[in-house]
Amino acid sequence: MPAYPADRLTVVAALEAQGICPVFYHPEPEACLGIIRAAARAGARVIEFTDRGDHAADLFGELTKTLSRTDPEVILGIGSIVDPGTGALYLSRGARFVVSPCGVEAVARLCNRKRVAYMPGCGSVTEISQAQEWGCDVVKLFPGAQVGGPAFVKAVMGPMPWTKIMPTGGVEPEEASLKAWFDAGIIAAGMGSRLIPDKLVAEADWEGLEAHIGRAVGLARSVRG
């Protein structure tokens, strides 16, 4: 079994502590490991790999096997899951949390049965409430900017202050953007290409990527006080 923790509350606490969740997909194992290790060194060890591309589940399994031996502190989860069959496939390959662009009750039930954190995509107060009824500790606000941005988060937190929100889409790794979102009440922000620039990955500049992600993690920490 992997050495890193699988408990859903441990995963949520680690995500909240780091504040930034890197989100990525790459078809090459070495590039994936470069991205993951750079993020972990930068202070973002909870990382979302997205279900895209042929044989992505097989690649994910290779990654978790390697990481369990070499980087046990990494908590690798799977994103873009829209059905329980695919979710189960990734859970059998070591996924420590599951993220969806939408809310899927069958996926929530699957994850609850295995005590794995499930973060469904939500775009309304009703969807957020439904996800909480399913037992979800964190909801993914998606697409963050189009749904309403920080103003939407702030409006939700008024009547539902127990809500843990992670927006993806519309968050920039810059102080002004992060401050607006965290001041509104989010617990973490998911970021893809803005946090993991294609140029740095193409050049295998893992030190540069570590510095770029580390800056965002540091900014998230500072704007939260």
Protein backbone atom coordinates (compact mmCIF):
# COMPACT_ATOMS: atom_id res chain seq x y z
CA MET A 1 0.00 0.00 0.00
CA PRO A 2 1.16 3.60 -0.60
CA ALA A 3 2.89 5.23 2.34
CA TYR A 4 1.03 8.52 2.04
CA PRO A 5 -2.31 9.06 3.81
CA ALA A 6 -5.56 8.19 2.07
CA ASP A 7 -7.93 9.45 4.77
CA ARG A 8 -10.35 11.99 3.28
CA LEU A 9 -10.03 14.47 6.13
CA THR A 10 -6.24 14.34 5.97
CA VAL A 11 -6.41 15.09 2.25
CA VAL A 12 -8.80 18.00 2.77
CA ALA A 13 -6.63 19.42 5.57
CA ALA A 14 -3.51 19.19 3.39
CA LEU A 15 -5.31 20.88 0.49
CA GLU A 16 -6.53 23.69 2.71
CA ALA A 17 -3.08 24.17 4.22
CA GLN A 18 -1.31 24.58 0.87
CA GLY A 19 -4.03 26.80 -0.66
CA ILE A 20 -3.06 26.08 -4.27
CA CYS A 21 -3.94 22.86 -6.10
CA PRO A 22 -1.96 22.23 -9.30
CA VAL A 23 -4.12 20.72 -12.06
CA PHE A 24 -2.48 19.09 -15.07
CA TYR A 25 -2.34 16.36 -17.70
CA HIS A 26 0.63 15.23 -19.75
CA PRO A 27 0.98 12.02 -21.77
CA GLU A 28 4.64 11.38 -20.88
CA PRO A 29 5.54 9.76 -17.53
CA GLU A 30 8.82 11.64 -17.09
CA ALA A 31 7.16 15.00 -17.67
CA CYS A 32 4.39 14.06 -15.23
CA LEU A 33 6.92 13.17 -12.56
CA GLY A 34 8.82 16.39 -13.22
CA ILE A 35 5.65 18.45 -12.74
CA ILE A 36 4.54 16.54 -9.64
CA ARG A 37 7.92 16.70 -7.93
CA ALA A 38 8.36 20.39 -8.71
CA ALA A 39 4.93 21.11 -7.22
CA ALA A 40 5.61 19.05 -4.11
CA ARG A 41 8.96 20.77 -3.53
CA ALA A 42 7.18 24.11 -3.91
CA GLY A 43 4.78 23.23 -1.10
CA ALA A 44 1.85 21.87 -3.13
CA ARG A 45 1.84 18.13 -2.50
CA VAL A 46 -1.90 17.69 -3.15
CA ILE A 47 -2.04 17.53 -6.95
CA GLU A 48 -4.82 16.82 -9.45
CA PHE A 49 -4.08 14.78 -12.57
CA THR A 50 -6.90 15.06 -15.11
CA ASP A 51 -8.49 12.15 -16.97
CA ARG A 52 -7.61 13.15 -20.52
CA GLY A 53 -5.92 11.32 -23.36
CA ASP A 54 -5.68 7.68 -24.34
CA HIS A 55 -4.50 5.26 -21.65
CA ALA A 56 -4.54 8.01 -19.01
CA ALA A 57 -5.57 5.53 -16.30
CA ASP A 58 -2.63 3.27 -17.09
CA LEU A 59 -0.29 6.23 -16.94
CA PHE A 60 -1.82 7.27 -13.61
CA GLY A 61 -1.19 3.81 -12.22
CA GLU A 62 2.47 4.00 -13.25
CA LEU A 63 2.78 7.36 -11.52
CA THR A 64 1.25 6.24 -8.22
CA LYS A 65 3.45 3.14 -8.12
CA THR A 66 6.56 5.25 -8.62
CA LEU A 67 5.52 7.98 -6.21
CA SER A 68 4.69 5.53 -3.44
CA ARG A 69 8.34 4.45 -3.54
CA THR A 70 10.11 7.74 -4.23
CA ASP A 71 7.83 10.57 -3.09
CA PRO A 72 5.43 9.21 -0.44
CA GLU A 73 4.47 12.72 0.68
CA VAL A 74 2.65 13.39 -2.61
CA ILE A 75 -1.17 13.09 -2.56
CA LEU A 76 -2.19 12.50 -6.16
CA GLY A 77 -5.86 12.70 -7.10
CA ILE A 78 -7.82 12.41 -10.31
CA GLY A 79 -9.94 15.08 -12.00
CA SER A 80 -12.47 15.31 -14.85
CA ILE A 81 -14.38 12.26 -13.59
CA VAL A 82 -18.00 12.17 -14.77
CA ASP A 83 -19.04 8.56 -14.13
CA PRO A 84 -18.52 6.00 -11.34
CA GLY A 85 -16.91 3.39 -13.62
CA THR A 86 -14.05 5.69 -14.52
CA GLY A 87 -13.81 6.82 -10.91
CA ALA A 88 -13.47 3.21 -9.73
CA LEU A 89 -10.79 2.61 -12.35
CA TYR A 90 -8.66 5.40 -10.90
CA LEU A 91 -9.35 4.45 -7.29
CA SER A 92 -8.03 0.98 -8.09
CA ARG A 93 -4.88 2.69 -9.36
CA GLY A 94 -4.28 4.67 -6.20
CA ALA A 95 -6.19 7.96 -6.57
CA ARG A 96 -6.40 9.68 -3.18
CA PHE A 97 -9.20 12.07 -4.11
CA VAL A 98 -11.63 12.53 -6.99
CA VAL A 99 -12.71 15.77 -8.69
CA SER A 100 -15.52 16.30 -11.22
CA PRO A 101 -16.50 19.24 -13.44
CA CYS A 102 -20.10 18.50 -12.39
CA GLY A 103 -21.89 16.81 -9.53
CA VAL A 104 -22.39 13.05 -9.96
CA GLU A 105 -24.21 11.34 -7.09
CA ALA A 106 -23.01 7.87 -8.12
CA VAL A 107 -19.40 9.06 -7.89
CA ALA A 108 -20.09 10.56 -4.47
CA ARG A 109 -21.49 7.22 -3.29
CA LEU A 110 -18.47 5.36 -4.68
CA CYS A 111 -16.04 7.68 -2.91
CA ASN A 112 -18.00 7.63 0.36
CA ARG A 113 -17.91 3.84 0.36
CA LYS A 114 -14.10 3.95 0.18
CA ARG A 115 -13.74 7.03 2.44
CA VAL A 116 -12.11 9.01 -0.36
CA ALA A 117 -12.60 12.77 -0.71
CA TYR A 118 -14.89 13.74 -3.60
CA MET A 119 -14.97 17.33 -4.88
CA PRO A 120 -17.84 17.81 -7.36
CA GLY A 121 -18.14 20.77 -9.70
CA CYS A 122 -20.93 23.14 -8.64
CA GLY A 123 -22.31 26.31 -10.19
CA SER A 124 -25.22 27.24 -7.91
CA VAL A 125 -26.21 27.32 -4.26
CA THR A 126 -28.59 24.43 -4.87
CA GLU A 127 -25.80 22.29 -6.38
CA ILE A 128 -23.51 23.12 -3.46
CA SER A 129 -26.21 22.14 -0.98
CA GLN A 130 -26.83 18.89 -2.85
CA ALA A 131 -23.12 18.05 -2.78
CA GLN A 132 -23.04 18.64 0.97
CA GLU A 133 -26.02 16.30 1.35
CA TRP A 134 -23.98 13.67 -0.53
CA GLY A 135 -21.25 14.03 2.11
CA CYS A 136 -18.76 16.13 0.13
CA ASP A 137 -16.36 18.09 2.33
CA VAL A 138 -15.15 20.39 -0.48
CA VAL A 139 -16.97 21.61 -3.59
CA LYS A 140 -15.25 22.70 -6.77
CA LEU A 141 -16.65 25.98 -8.07
CA PHE A 142 -16.57 25.52 -11.83
CA PRO A 143 -16.09 27.37 -14.05
CA GLY A 144 -15.07 29.79 -11.32
CA ALA A 145 -15.08 33.08 -13.20
CA GLN A 146 -18.19 32.38 -15.26
CA VAL A 147 -20.20 31.21 -12.25
CA GLY A 148 -19.68 34.54 -10.54
CA GLY A 149 -16.14 34.76 -9.23
CA PRO A 150 -15.27 35.92 -5.71
CA ALA A 151 -18.58 37.79 -5.39
CA PHE A 152 -20.47 34.51 -5.76
CA VAL A 153 -18.30 32.84 -3.11
CA LYS A 154 -18.88 35.70 -0.69
CA ALA A 155 -22.63 35.53 -1.26
CA VAL A 156 -22.66 31.78 -0.57
CA MET A 157 -20.61 32.07 2.60
CA GLY A 158 -23.17 34.40 4.18
CA PRO A 159 -25.95 31.86 4.73
CA MET A 160 -23.67 28.78 4.44
CA PRO A 161 -20.43 29.65 6.31
CA TRP A 162 -19.51 25.97 6.76
CA THR A 163 -18.96 25.60 3.00
CA LYS A 164 -15.47 24.72 1.75
CA ILE A 165 -15.03 25.99 -1.82
CA MET A 166 -12.20 25.42 -4.28
CA PRO A 167 -12.65 27.40 -7.52
CA THR A 168 -11.04 26.25 -10.75
CA GLY A 169 -11.08 28.59 -13.74
CA GLY A 170 -10.61 32.31 -13.37
CA VAL A 171 -7.95 32.23 -10.64
CA GLU A 172 -4.61 33.79 -11.48
CA PRO A 173 -1.32 33.11 -9.61
CA GLU A 174 -1.08 36.79 -8.77
CA GLU A 175 -1.59 38.61 -5.48
CA ALA A 176 -4.66 40.64 -6.48
CA SER A 177 -6.53 37.63 -7.86
CA LEU A 178 -5.66 35.34 -4.96
CA LYS A 179 -6.51 37.99 -2.37
CA ALA A 180 -9.94 38.57 -3.91
CA TRP A 181 -10.75 34.86 -3.87
CA PHE A 182 -9.40 34.11 -0.39
CA ASP A 183 -10.99 37.21 1.10
CA ALA A 184 -14.30 35.92 -0.29
CA GLY A 185 -13.86 32.69 1.65
CA ILE A 186 -12.32 29.92 -0.50
CA ILE A 187 -10.10 27.28 1.13
CA ALA A 188 -7.94 26.63 -1.95
CA ALA A 189 -7.72 27.41 -5.66
CA GLY A 190 -7.22 24.95 -8.48
CA MET A 191 -4.99 26.17 -11.29
CA GLY A 192 -3.83 24.62 -14.54
CA SER A 193 -1.77 26.22 -17.31
CA ARG A 194 -1.36 29.53 -15.48
CA LEU A 195 0.38 27.68 -12.69
CA ILE A 196 2.08 25.09 -14.90
CA PRO A 197 3.17 26.98 -18.05
CA ASP A 198 3.60 24.89 -21.19
CA LYS A 199 6.96 26.53 -21.91
CA LEU A 200 8.52 25.41 -18.64
CA VAL A 201 7.23 21.89 -19.11
CA ALA A 202 8.41 21.69 -22.73
CA GLU A 203 11.89 22.79 -21.64
CA ALA A 204 11.83 20.42 -18.65
CA ASP A 205 12.73 23.42 -16.52
CA TRP A 206 11.69 21.85 -13.23
CA GLU A 207 13.59 24.34 -11.10
CA GLY A 208 11.81 27.18 -12.89
CA LEU A 209 8.47 25.45 -12.43
CA GLU A 210 9.16 24.88 -8.74
CA ALA A 211 9.91 28.58 -8.32
CA HIS A 212 6.76 29.59 -10.23
CA ILE A 213 4.49 27.32 -8.19
CA GLY A 214 6.30 28.24 -4.97
CA ARG A 215 5.59 31.90 -5.62
CA ALA A 216 1.86 31.18 -5.94
CA VAL A 217 1.84 29.05 -2.80
CA GLY A 218 3.64 31.82 -0.93
CA LEU A 219 1.19 34.44 -2.19
CA ALA A 220 -1.77 32.30 -1.11
CA ARG A 221 -0.24 31.97 2.33
CA SER A 222 0.43 35.70 2.63
CA VAL A 223 -3.01 36.89 1.50
CA ARG A 224 -4.62 34.57 4.04
CA GLY A 225 -2.50 36.14 6.77
